[in-house]
Amino acid sequence: MKIRLKVKEVAIAKGYNMSSLSRASDVSFTTIKKLWTKPLSGANIDTLGKIALTLKVDISDLTEYVDE
């Protein structure tokens, strides 16, 4: 099993695009773009924490397990 990031789906549902999420969460646009376009890539827990706080969700809401 792998962990898949759902940053894009959750952000869009909350009305954010990559630029607005980057500004609001104080996470670099490059990092947001990576998480947005490569959901199977890893992510720093501090980064996910900033994004989760911005989106008003738990970190667990930004992840899911998927088959390899």
PDB file of N, CA and C in Angstrom:
ATOM      1  N   MET A   1       0.839  -1.188   0.000  1.00  0.00           N
ATOM      2  CA  MET A   1       0.000   0.000   0.000  1.00  0.00           C
ATOM      3  C   MET A   1       0.883   1.250   0.000  1.00  0.00           C
ATOM      4  N   LYS A   2       0.390   2.254  -0.658  1.00  0.00           N
ATOM      5  CA  LYS A   2       1.065   3.553  -0.693  1.00  0.00           C
ATOM      6  C   LYS A   2       0.122   4.608  -0.142  1.00  0.00           C
ATOM      7  N   ILE A   3       0.706   5.713   0.294  1.00  0.00           N
ATOM      8  CA  ILE A   3      -0.105   6.851   0.726  1.00  0.00           C
ATOM      9  C   ILE A   3      -0.233   7.810  -0.442  1.00  0.00           C
ATOM     10  N   ARG A   4      -1.456   8.178  -0.737  1.00  0.00           N
ATOM     11  CA  ARG A   4      -1.752   9.148  -1.806  1.00  0.00           C
ATOM     12  C   ARG A   4      -2.217  10.437  -1.151  1.00  0.00           C
ATOM     13  N   LEU A   5      -1.659  11.553  -1.593  1.00  0.00           N
ATOM     14  CA  LEU A   5      -2.059  12.856  -1.059  1.00  0.00           C
ATOM     15  C   LEU A   5      -3.276  13.387  -1.812  1.00  0.00           C
ATOM     16  N   LYS A   6      -4.211  13.921  -1.053  1.00  0.00           N
ATOM     17  CA  LYS A   6      -5.445  14.461  -1.644  1.00  0.00           C
ATOM     18  C   LYS A   6      -5.500  15.981  -1.514  1.00  0.00           C
ATOM     19  N   VAL A   7      -4.343  16.610  -1.548  1.00  0.00           N
ATOM     20  CA  VAL A   7      -4.271  18.061  -1.394  1.00  0.00           C
ATOM     21  C   VAL A   7      -5.107  18.763  -2.460  1.00  0.00           C
ATOM     22  N   LYS A   8      -4.955  18.356  -3.700  1.00  0.00           N
ATOM     23  CA  LYS A   8      -5.675  18.998  -4.807  1.00  0.00           C
ATOM     24  C   LYS A   8      -7.188  18.910  -4.611  1.00  0.00           C
ATOM     25  N   GLU A   9      -7.690  17.705  -4.345  1.00  0.00           N
ATOM     26  CA  GLU A   9      -9.133  17.510  -4.215  1.00  0.00           C
ATOM     27  C   GLU A   9      -9.719  18.317  -3.058  1.00  0.00           C
ATOM     28  N   VAL A  10      -9.040  18.273  -1.912  1.00  0.00           N
ATOM     29  CA  VAL A  10      -9.550  18.981  -0.732  1.00  0.00           C
ATOM     30  C   VAL A  10      -9.470  20.492  -0.945  1.00  0.00           C
ATOM     31  N   ALA A  11      -8.360  20.950  -1.507  1.00  0.00           N
ATOM     32  CA  ALA A  11      -8.201  22.392  -1.742  1.00  0.00           C
ATOM     33  C   ALA A  11      -9.257  22.928  -2.696  1.00  0.00           C
ATOM     34  N   ILE A  12      -9.497  22.223  -3.790  1.00  0.00           N
ATOM     35  CA  ILE A  12     -10.515  22.667  -4.751  1.00  0.00           C
ATOM     36  C   ILE A  12     -11.892  22.701  -4.087  1.00  0.00           C
ATOM     37  N   ALA A  13     -12.195  21.679  -3.290  1.00  0.00           N
ATOM     38  CA  ALA A  13     -13.491  21.637  -2.599  1.00  0.00           C
ATOM     39  C   ALA A  13     -13.655  22.811  -1.631  1.00  0.00           C
ATOM     40  N   LYS A  14     -12.528  23.325  -1.128  1.00  0.00           N
ATOM     41  CA  LYS A  14     -12.565  24.450  -0.190  1.00  0.00           C
ATOM     42  C   LYS A  14     -12.392  25.792  -0.904  1.00  0.00           C
ATOM     43  N   GLY A  15     -12.310  25.773  -2.234  1.00  0.00           N
ATOM     44  CA  GLY A  15     -12.245  27.005  -3.011  1.00  0.00           C
ATOM     45  C   GLY A  15     -10.849  27.551  -3.262  1.00  0.00           C
ATOM     46  N   TYR A  16      -9.835  26.724  -3.112  1.00  0.00           N
ATOM     47  CA  TYR A  16      -8.457  27.165  -3.337  1.00  0.00           C
ATOM     48  C   TYR A  16      -7.921  26.626  -4.650  1.00  0.00           C
ATOM     49  N   ASN A  17      -7.041  27.419  -5.268  1.00  0.00           N
ATOM     50  CA  ASN A  17      -6.229  26.920  -6.368  1.00  0.00           C
ATOM     51  C   ASN A  17      -4.790  26.869  -5.861  1.00  0.00           C
ATOM     52  N   MET A  18      -3.853  26.473  -6.688  1.00  0.00           N
ATOM     53  CA  MET A  18      -2.473  26.338  -6.220  1.00  0.00           C
ATOM     54  C   MET A  18      -1.911  27.649  -5.670  1.00  0.00           C
ATOM     55  N   SER A  19      -2.151  28.744  -6.368  1.00  0.00           N
ATOM     56  CA  SER A  19      -1.604  30.035  -5.936  1.00  0.00           C
ATOM     57  C   SER A  19      -2.197  30.499  -4.619  1.00  0.00           C
ATOM     58  N   SER A  20      -3.504  30.419  -4.507  1.00  0.00           N
ATOM     59  CA  SER A  20      -4.143  30.912  -3.278  1.00  0.00           C
ATOM     60  C   SER A  20      -3.789  30.033  -2.083  1.00  0.00           C
ATOM     61  N   LEU A  21      -3.647  28.733  -2.297  1.00  0.00           N
ATOM     62  CA  LEU A  21      -3.258  27.848  -1.206  1.00  0.00           C
ATOM     63  C   LEU A  21      -1.819  28.126  -0.780  1.00  0.00           C
ATOM     64  N   SER A  22      -0.958  28.366  -1.732  1.00  0.00           N
ATOM     65  CA  SER A  22       0.433  28.693  -1.428  1.00  0.00           C
ATOM     66  C   SER A  22       0.519  29.948  -0.570  1.00  0.00           C
ATOM     67  N   ARG A  23      -0.177  30.985  -0.967  1.00  0.00           N
ATOM     68  CA  ARG A  23      -0.152  32.244  -0.213  1.00  0.00           C
ATOM     69  C   ARG A  23      -0.762  32.082   1.173  1.00  0.00           C
ATOM     70  N   ALA A  24      -1.902  31.440   1.254  1.00  0.00           N
ATOM     71  CA  ALA A  24      -2.616  31.318   2.527  1.00  0.00           C
ATOM     72  C   ALA A  24      -1.892  30.418   3.529  1.00  0.00           C
ATOM     73  N   SER A  25      -1.207  29.399   3.030  1.00  0.00           N
ATOM     74  CA  SER A  25      -0.565  28.432   3.923  1.00  0.00           C
ATOM     75  C   SER A  25       0.905  28.750   4.186  1.00  0.00           C
ATOM     76  N   ASP A  26       1.459  29.730   3.466  1.00  0.00           N
ATOM     77  CA  ASP A  26       2.874  30.072   3.559  1.00  0.00           C
ATOM     78  C   ASP A  26       3.763  28.876   3.192  1.00  0.00           C
ATOM     79  N   VAL A  27       3.305  28.122   2.195  1.00  0.00           N
ATOM     80  CA  VAL A  27       4.072  27.011   1.633  1.00  0.00           C
ATOM     81  C   VAL A  27       4.431  27.426   0.207  1.00  0.00           C
ATOM     82  N   SER A  28       5.655  27.188  -0.199  1.00  0.00           N
ATOM     83  CA  SER A  28       6.092  27.650  -1.516  1.00  0.00           C
ATOM     84  C   SER A  28       5.209  27.094  -2.633  1.00  0.00           C
ATOM     85  N   PHE A  29       5.077  27.884  -3.673  1.00  0.00           N
ATOM     86  CA  PHE A  29       4.274  27.456  -4.819  1.00  0.00           C
ATOM     87  C   PHE A  29       4.839  26.177  -5.415  1.00  0.00           C
ATOM     88  N   THR A  30       6.163  26.070  -5.460  1.00  0.00           N
ATOM     89  CA  THR A  30       6.800  24.873  -6.013  1.00  0.00           C
ATOM     90  C   THR A  30       6.375  23.625  -5.253  1.00  0.00           C
ATOM     91  N   THR A  31       6.326  23.723  -3.936  1.00  0.00           N
ATOM     92  CA  THR A  31       5.913  22.582  -3.107  1.00  0.00           C
ATOM     93  C   THR A  31       4.449  22.256  -3.333  1.00  0.00           C
ATOM     94  N   ILE A  32       3.603  23.278  -3.357  1.00  0.00           N
ATOM     95  CA  ILE A  32       2.169  23.058  -3.596  1.00  0.00           C
ATOM     96  C   ILE A  32       1.976  22.397  -4.957  1.00  0.00           C
ATOM     97  N   LYS A  33       2.689  22.882  -5.963  1.00  0.00           N
ATOM     98  CA  LYS A  33       2.559  22.311  -7.313  1.00  0.00           C
ATOM     99  C   LYS A  33       2.945  20.836  -7.312  1.00  0.00           C
ATOM    100  N   LYS A  34       4.012  20.488  -6.609  1.00  0.00           N
ATOM    101  CA  LYS A  34       4.449  19.086  -6.535  1.00  0.00           C
ATOM    102  C   LYS A  34       3.364  18.226  -5.880  1.00  0.00           C
ATOM    103  N   LEU A  35       2.828  18.693  -4.763  1.00  0.00           N
ATOM    104  CA  LEU A  35       1.793  17.924  -4.061  1.00  0.00           C
ATOM    105  C   LEU A  35       0.522  17.816  -4.897  1.00  0.00           C
ATOM    106  N   TRP A  36       0.244  18.834  -5.681  1.00  0.00           N
ATOM    107  CA  TRP A  36      -0.955  18.915  -6.514  1.00  0.00           C
ATOM    108  C   TRP A  36      -0.870  17.976  -7.708  1.00  0.00           C
ATOM    109  N   THR A  37       0.320  17.938  -8.324  1.00  0.00           N
ATOM    110  CA  THR A  37       0.460  17.202  -9.579  1.00  0.00           C
ATOM    111  C   THR A  37       1.046  15.805  -9.425  1.00  0.00           C
ATOM    112  N   LYS A  38       1.682  15.538  -8.294  1.00  0.00           N
ATOM    113  CA  LYS A  38       2.291  14.223  -8.044  1.00  0.00           C
ATOM    114  C   LYS A  38       1.817  13.706  -6.689  1.00  0.00           C
ATOM    115  N   PRO A  39       0.565  13.278  -6.622  1.00  0.00           N
ATOM    116  CA  PRO A  39      -0.025  12.909  -5.327  1.00  0.00           C
ATOM    117  C   PRO A  39       0.584  11.676  -4.671  1.00  0.00           C
ATOM    118  N   LEU A  40       1.409  10.932  -5.373  1.00  0.00           N
ATOM    119  CA  LEU A  40       2.062   9.782  -4.754  1.00  0.00           C
ATOM    120  C   LEU A  40       3.463  10.116  -4.240  1.00  0.00           C
ATOM    121  N   SER A  41       3.861  11.383  -4.396  1.00  0.00           N
ATOM    122  CA  SER A  41       5.165  11.797  -3.877  1.00  0.00           C
ATOM    123  C   SER A  41       5.055  12.017  -2.366  1.00  0.00           C
ATOM    124  N   GLY A  42       6.165  11.995  -1.710  1.00  0.00           N
ATOM    125  CA  GLY A  42       6.167  12.210  -0.263  1.00  0.00           C
ATOM    126  C   GLY A  42       5.956  13.667   0.091  1.00  0.00           C
ATOM    127  N   ALA A  43       5.659  13.907   1.361  1.00  0.00           N
ATOM    128  CA  ALA A  43       5.481  15.274   1.838  1.00  0.00           C
ATOM    129  C   ALA A  43       5.952  15.378   3.279  1.00  0.00           C
ATOM    130  N   ASN A  44       6.500  16.494   3.606  1.00  0.00           N
ATOM    131  CA  ASN A  44       6.939  16.788   4.962  1.00  0.00           C
ATOM    132  C   ASN A  44       5.711  16.964   5.853  1.00  0.00           C
ATOM    133  N   ILE A  45       5.742  16.404   7.054  1.00  0.00           N
ATOM    134  CA  ILE A  45       4.584  16.490   7.951  1.00  0.00           C
ATOM    135  C   ILE A  45       4.293  17.935   8.354  1.00  0.00           C
ATOM    136  N   ASP A  46       5.326  18.770   8.478  1.00  0.00           N
ATOM    137  CA  ASP A  46       5.109  20.179   8.812  1.00  0.00           C
ATOM    138  C   ASP A  46       4.377  20.896   7.672  1.00  0.00           C
ATOM    139  N   THR A  47       4.727  20.550   6.443  1.00  0.00           N
ATOM    140  CA  THR A  47       4.050  21.134   5.279  1.00  0.00           C
ATOM    141  C   THR A  47       2.585  20.720   5.255  1.00  0.00           C
ATOM    142  N   LEU A  48       2.333  19.432   5.464  1.00  0.00           N
ATOM    143  CA  LEU A  48       0.938  18.966   5.498  1.00  0.00           C
ATOM    144  C   LEU A  48       0.178  19.630   6.631  1.00  0.00           C
ATOM    145  N   GLY A  49       0.842  19.868   7.744  1.00  0.00           N
ATOM    146  CA  GLY A  49       0.200  20.550   8.866  1.00  0.00           C
ATOM    147  C   GLY A  49      -0.226  21.967   8.517  1.00  0.00           C
ATOM    148  N   LYS A  50       0.648  22.704   7.839  1.00  0.00           N
ATOM    149  CA  LYS A  50       0.311  24.076   7.415  1.00  0.00           C
ATOM    150  C   LYS A  50      -0.878  24.070   6.456  1.00  0.00           C
ATOM    151  N   ILE A  51      -0.856  23.135   5.524  1.00  0.00           N
ATOM    152  CA  ILE A  51      -1.944  23.047   4.546  1.00  0.00           C
ATOM    153  C   ILE A  51      -3.252  22.666   5.237  1.00  0.00           C
ATOM    154  N   ALA A  52      -3.180  21.688   6.136  1.00  0.00           N
ATOM    155  CA  ALA A  52      -4.384  21.257   6.858  1.00  0.00           C
ATOM    156  C   ALA A  52      -4.969  22.399   7.685  1.00  0.00           C
ATOM    157  N   LEU A  53      -4.126  23.159   8.366  1.00  0.00           N
ATOM    158  CA  LEU A  53      -4.622  24.307   9.137  1.00  0.00           C
ATOM    159  C   LEU A  53      -5.315  25.329   8.243  1.00  0.00           C
ATOM    160  N   THR A  54      -4.698  25.603   7.102  1.00  0.00           N
ATOM    161  CA  THR A  54      -5.277  26.559   6.150  1.00  0.00           C
ATOM    162  C   THR A  54      -6.637  26.087   5.645  1.00  0.00           C
ATOM    163  N   LEU A  55      -6.727  24.783   5.336  1.00  0.00           N
ATOM    164  CA  LEU A  55      -7.968  24.231   4.786  1.00  0.00           C
ATOM    165  C   LEU A  55      -8.985  23.858   5.867  1.00  0.00           C
ATOM    166  N   LYS A  56      -8.548  23.990   7.149  1.00  0.00           N
ATOM    167  CA  LYS A  56      -9.413  23.654   8.290  1.00  0.00           C
ATOM    168  C   LYS A  56      -9.868  22.192   8.239  1.00  0.00           C
ATOM    169  N   VAL A  57      -8.887  21.295   8.027  1.00  0.00           N
ATOM    170  CA  VAL A  57      -9.125  19.857   8.016  1.00  0.00           C
ATOM    171  C   VAL A  57      -8.022  19.192   8.835  1.00  0.00           C
ATOM    172  N   ASP A  58      -8.197  17.922   9.153  1.00  0.00           N
ATOM    173  CA  ASP A  58      -7.143  17.143   9.788  1.00  0.00           C
ATOM    174  C   ASP A  58      -6.163  16.681   8.713  1.00  0.00           C
ATOM    175  N   ILE A  59      -4.926  16.447   9.120  1.00  0.00           N
ATOM    176  CA  ILE A  59      -3.937  15.934   8.176  1.00  0.00           C
ATOM    177  C   ILE A  59      -4.438  14.636   7.548  1.00  0.00           C
ATOM    178  N   SER A  60      -5.125  13.833   8.318  1.00  0.00           N
ATOM    179  CA  SER A  60      -5.620  12.551   7.778  1.00  0.00           C
ATOM    180  C   SER A  60      -6.597  12.745   6.625  1.00  0.00           C
ATOM    181  N   ASP A  61      -7.254  13.909   6.566  1.00  0.00           N
ATOM    182  CA  ASP A  61      -8.158  14.199   5.467  1.00  0.00           C
ATOM    183  C   ASP A  61      -7.400  14.466   4.152  1.00  0.00           C
ATOM    184  N   LEU A  62      -6.104  14.686   4.260  1.00  0.00           N
ATOM    185  CA  LEU A  62      -5.287  14.979   3.081  1.00  0.00           C
ATOM    186  C   LEU A  62      -4.587  13.751   2.536  1.00  0.00           C
ATOM    187  N   THR A  63      -4.857  12.584   3.150  1.00  0.00           N
ATOM    188  CA  THR A  63      -4.177  11.368   2.730  1.00  0.00           C
ATOM    189  C   THR A  63      -5.155  10.204   2.606  1.00  0.00           C
ATOM    190  N   GLU A  64      -4.738   9.223   1.816  1.00  0.00           N
ATOM    191  CA  GLU A  64      -5.489   7.965   1.722  1.00  0.00           C
ATOM    192  C   GLU A  64      -4.534   6.874   1.307  1.00  0.00           C
ATOM    193  N   TYR A  65      -4.865   5.659   1.682  1.00  0.00           N
ATOM    194  CA  TYR A  65      -4.067   4.506   1.262  1.00  0.00           C
ATOM    195  C   TYR A  65      -4.600   3.991  -0.074  1.00  0.00           C
ATOM    196  N   VAL A  66      -3.657   3.659  -0.973  1.00  0.00           N
ATOM    197  CA  VAL A  66      -4.020   3.100  -2.272  1.00  0.00           C
ATOM    198  C   VAL A  66      -3.148   1.883  -2.547  1.00  0.00           C
ATOM    199  N   ASP A  67      -3.646   0.981  -3.360  1.00  0.00           N
ATOM    200  CA  ASP A  67      -2.855  -0.174  -3.773  1.00  0.00           C
ATOM    201  C   ASP A  67      -1.736   0.289  -4.689  1.00  0.00           C
ATOM    202  N   GLU A  68      -0.636  -0.415  -4.623  1.00  0.00           N
ATOM    203  CA  GLU A  68       0.512  -0.038  -5.462  1.00  0.00           C
ATOM    204  C   GLU A  68       0.316  -0.368  -6.875  1.00  0.00           C
TER     205      GLU A  68
END
